[in-house]
Amino acid sequence: MQDKQVTASGRFWTMAILIAVLILVDQFSKGYFQSNYALGESRPVIEGLFNFTYAQNTGAAFGMGQEYHKYVRYFMFLFIPTGAVLWLFYLLFTSLRGPYIRVLAYSLIIAGAIGNLIDRYALGYVVDFFHFYHKDWHFAVFNVADSCITVAAFLLGIDFLINPHPNKKNKDGKNKAEKNDVKKNQPSAS
């Protein structure tokens, strides 16, 4: 039991440091672009593929919802995400002894959500600057926080595929944890 507590404690502090570092990288990178680029300014990094472009996003991911009324945006982009971060902290704490990939994914989502919430509360918009494109095709401009959330979604997909989930129902309608408990409680045939 002691080893599991050390593992959970070690994971907690590792993830806390990771979350803090990612939030700092996100905020400092956004500050750099705000200070050194004019709104809409774009500078090529890899000609024909990748630019740094300073953009302000008042909507959700990829600019969705920017046209919504101010109070709808407050509810959708401040209130709900703040609640989601609190819920994600709960998921993180309850999964510290679970698969590492899940713990890492929750931590990345928390870091990304907090990074973007800082912008929304302080500025009223999110600072974006990564801009991928090819000829006339342009991907939405995004930032470090968005990247954290995207990587986390990928990791959660992998977690779902490779790790058994105890609440998943088997053919007999029982979840895996219930089925294992039944087997343990049956008398052995001697």
Protein backbone atom coordinates (compact mmCIF):
# COMPACT_ATOMS: atom_id res chain seq x y z
CA MET A 1 0.00 0.00 0.00
CA GLN A 2 2.88 2.35 0.79
CA ASP A 3 4.28 1.94 -2.75
CA LYS A 4 0.95 2.89 -4.36
CA GLN A 5 0.73 6.02 -2.21
CA VAL A 6 4.27 7.02 -3.20
CA THR A 7 3.40 6.38 -6.83
CA ALA A 8 0.23 8.48 -6.62
CA SER A 9 2.08 11.22 -4.75
CA GLY A 10 4.96 11.14 -7.21
CA ARG A 11 2.58 11.26 -10.16
CA PHE A 12 0.70 14.14 -8.58
CA TRP A 13 3.82 16.26 -8.21
CA THR A 14 5.13 15.30 -11.64
CA MET A 15 1.82 16.31 -13.23
CA ALA A 16 1.58 19.49 -11.14
CA ILE A 17 5.01 20.56 -12.38
CA LEU A 18 4.12 19.62 -15.97
CA ILE A 19 0.87 21.62 -15.79
CA ALA A 20 2.68 24.67 -14.36
CA VAL A 21 5.47 24.52 -16.97
CA LEU A 22 3.01 24.18 -19.86
CA ILE A 23 0.91 27.09 -18.60
CA LEU A 24 4.07 29.24 -18.31
CA VAL A 25 5.25 28.27 -21.82
CA ASP A 26 1.77 29.05 -23.16
CA GLN A 27 1.53 32.43 -21.42
CA PHE A 28 5.08 33.55 -22.22
CA SER A 29 4.70 32.58 -25.88
CA LYS A 30 1.43 34.49 -26.11
CA GLY A 31 3.05 37.50 -24.43
CA TYR A 32 5.89 37.38 -26.94
CA PHE A 33 3.52 37.56 -29.89
CA GLN A 34 1.44 40.32 -28.32
CA SER A 35 4.59 42.38 -27.72
CA ASN A 36 6.40 41.74 -30.99
CA TYR A 37 3.67 41.36 -33.61
CA ALA A 38 0.88 43.63 -34.77
CA LEU A 39 -2.58 42.05 -34.82
CA GLY A 40 -2.83 40.04 -38.04
CA GLU A 41 0.92 40.26 -38.74
CA SER A 42 2.35 37.08 -40.20
CA ARG A 43 6.00 36.06 -40.55
CA PRO A 44 7.04 32.93 -42.46
CA VAL A 45 8.86 30.20 -40.56
CA ILE A 46 8.71 27.55 -43.31
CA GLU A 47 7.74 29.24 -46.58
CA GLY A 48 4.53 27.80 -48.03
CA LEU A 49 3.75 25.71 -44.93
CA PHE A 50 4.05 27.46 -41.56
CA ASN A 51 3.89 31.05 -40.33
CA PHE A 52 3.76 32.79 -36.99
CA THR A 53 0.59 34.89 -37.22
CA TYR A 54 -0.76 36.96 -34.33
CA ALA A 55 -4.52 36.46 -34.00
CA GLN A 56 -7.15 37.12 -31.33
CA ASN A 57 -9.89 34.53 -30.94
CA THR A 58 -13.06 35.52 -29.08
CA GLY A 59 -14.73 32.22 -29.97
CA ALA A 60 -14.09 28.57 -29.18
CA ALA A 61 -11.70 26.21 -30.90
CA PHE A 62 -10.91 27.32 -34.43
CA GLY A 63 -12.88 30.56 -33.97
CA MET A 64 -16.31 28.94 -33.63
CA GLY A 65 -18.86 31.06 -31.79
CA GLN A 66 -17.18 34.45 -32.26
CA GLU A 67 -20.45 35.90 -33.54
CA TYR A 68 -22.42 34.92 -30.40
CA HIS A 69 -23.75 37.60 -28.08
CA LYS A 70 -21.30 38.67 -25.35
CA TYR A 71 -23.25 37.00 -22.52
CA VAL A 72 -23.57 33.73 -24.43
CA ARG A 73 -19.78 33.80 -24.97
CA TYR A 74 -19.25 34.46 -21.23
CA PHE A 75 -21.34 31.42 -20.35
CA MET A 76 -19.89 29.14 -23.05
CA PHE A 77 -16.25 30.23 -22.93
CA LEU A 78 -15.75 31.23 -19.27
CA PHE A 79 -18.33 29.62 -17.00
CA ILE A 80 -18.51 26.14 -18.60
CA PRO A 81 -14.71 25.79 -19.12
CA THR A 82 -14.05 26.86 -15.52
CA GLY A 83 -16.40 24.12 -14.31
CA ALA A 84 -14.78 21.66 -16.71
CA VAL A 85 -11.33 22.43 -15.27
CA LEU A 86 -12.61 21.70 -11.76
CA TRP A 87 -14.10 18.43 -12.98
CA LEU A 88 -10.82 17.56 -14.75
CA PHE A 89 -8.89 18.11 -11.52
CA TYR A 90 -11.28 15.62 -9.89
CA LEU A 91 -10.63 13.12 -12.71
CA LEU A 92 -6.89 13.67 -12.37
CA PHE A 93 -6.92 13.05 -8.61
CA THR A 94 -9.08 9.95 -8.92
CA SER A 95 -6.94 8.48 -11.71
CA LEU A 96 -3.47 8.98 -10.20
CA ARG A 97 -3.16 5.23 -9.61
CA GLY A 98 -4.59 4.43 -13.03
CA PRO A 99 -2.89 4.21 -16.42
CA TYR A 100 -0.16 6.82 -16.84
CA ILE A 101 -1.41 7.78 -20.31
CA ARG A 102 -4.77 8.82 -18.81
CA VAL A 103 -3.11 10.86 -16.04
CA LEU A 104 -0.92 12.59 -18.63
CA ALA A 105 -3.91 13.33 -20.88
CA TYR A 106 -5.92 14.88 -18.04
CA SER A 107 -2.91 16.99 -17.08
CA LEU A 108 -2.47 18.25 -20.65
CA ILE A 109 -6.15 19.19 -20.90
CA ILE A 110 -5.95 21.03 -17.57
CA ALA A 111 -2.85 22.95 -18.67
CA GLY A 112 -4.40 23.87 -22.01
CA ALA A 113 -7.74 24.86 -20.55
CA ILE A 114 -6.14 27.02 -17.85
CA GLY A 115 -3.82 28.64 -20.40
CA ASN A 116 -6.76 29.69 -22.56
CA LEU A 117 -8.93 30.65 -19.57
CA ILE A 118 -6.21 33.03 -18.35
CA ASP A 119 -6.46 34.81 -21.72
CA ARG A 120 -10.25 34.88 -21.69
CA TYR A 121 -10.47 36.28 -18.15
CA ALA A 122 -7.61 38.79 -18.59
CA LEU A 123 -8.07 39.85 -22.21
CA GLY A 124 -11.52 38.76 -23.35
CA TYR A 125 -9.99 36.68 -26.16
CA VAL A 126 -7.38 33.96 -26.70
CA VAL A 127 -4.04 34.78 -28.33
CA ASP A 128 -3.21 32.42 -31.22
CA PHE A 129 -0.08 32.32 -33.38
CA PHE A 130 0.68 28.92 -34.99
CA HIS A 131 -0.52 29.09 -38.58
CA PHE A 132 -0.21 26.10 -40.93
CA TYR A 133 -1.22 26.40 -44.57
CA HIS A 134 -0.55 25.13 -48.08
CA LYS A 135 -1.36 27.27 -51.10
CA ASP A 136 -5.00 28.38 -50.59
CA TRP A 137 -5.69 25.97 -47.70
CA HIS A 138 -5.27 27.44 -44.20
CA PHE A 139 -5.69 25.60 -40.91
CA ALA A 140 -7.10 27.63 -38.02
CA VAL A 141 -4.48 29.62 -36.10
CA PHE A 142 -3.82 28.05 -32.69
CA ASN A 143 -1.50 28.18 -29.66
CA VAL A 144 0.41 26.03 -27.15
CA ALA A 145 -2.69 25.50 -24.97
CA ASP A 146 -4.68 24.25 -27.97
CA SER A 147 -1.81 21.89 -28.81
CA CYS A 148 -1.90 20.46 -25.28
CA ILE A 149 -5.62 19.77 -25.57
CA THR A 150 -5.24 18.17 -29.02
CA VAL A 151 -2.41 15.87 -27.88
CA ALA A 152 -4.49 14.95 -24.82
CA ALA A 153 -7.47 13.99 -26.99
CA PHE A 154 -5.19 11.69 -29.00
CA LEU A 155 -3.80 10.15 -25.79
CA LEU A 156 -7.30 9.57 -24.40
CA GLY A 157 -8.21 7.79 -27.65
CA ILE A 158 -5.20 5.51 -27.24
CA ASP A 159 -6.07 4.98 -23.56
CA PHE A 160 -9.60 3.97 -24.49
CA LEU A 161 -8.25 1.38 -26.95
CA ILE A 162 -5.48 -0.16 -24.82
CA ASN A 163 -6.68 0.02 -21.22
CA PRO A 164 -9.67 -1.87 -19.84
CA HIS A 165 -12.31 0.31 -18.27
CA PRO A 166 -13.87 -1.20 -15.12
CA ASN A 167 -17.35 0.21 -15.84
CA LYS A 168 -17.51 -1.29 -19.32
CA LYS A 169 -20.25 -3.93 -19.52
CA ASN A 170 -19.48 -7.49 -20.62
CA LYS A 171 -21.82 -9.75 -22.63
CA ASP A 172 -23.55 -10.89 -19.42
CA GLY A 173 -24.45 -7.29 -18.51
CA LYS A 174 -22.03 -7.04 -15.60
CA ASN A 175 -19.09 -4.72 -15.53
CA LYS A 176 -15.59 -6.20 -15.35
CA ALA A 177 -15.15 -5.31 -11.68
CA GLU A 178 -18.42 -7.09 -10.72
CA LYS A 179 -17.46 -10.20 -12.70
CA ASN A 180 -14.08 -10.42 -10.93
CA ASP A 181 -15.77 -10.00 -7.52
CA VAL A 182 -18.17 -12.86 -8.27
CA LYS A 183 -15.27 -15.17 -9.19
CA LYS A 184 -13.41 -14.30 -5.97
CA ASN A 185 -16.47 -15.03 -3.79
CA GLN A 186 -17.27 -18.45 -5.30
CA PRO A 187 -16.14 -21.44 -3.22
CA SER A 188 -13.38 -23.48 -4.80
CA ALA A 189 -14.15 -27.01 -5.91
CA SER A 190 -11.87 -29.25 -3.86
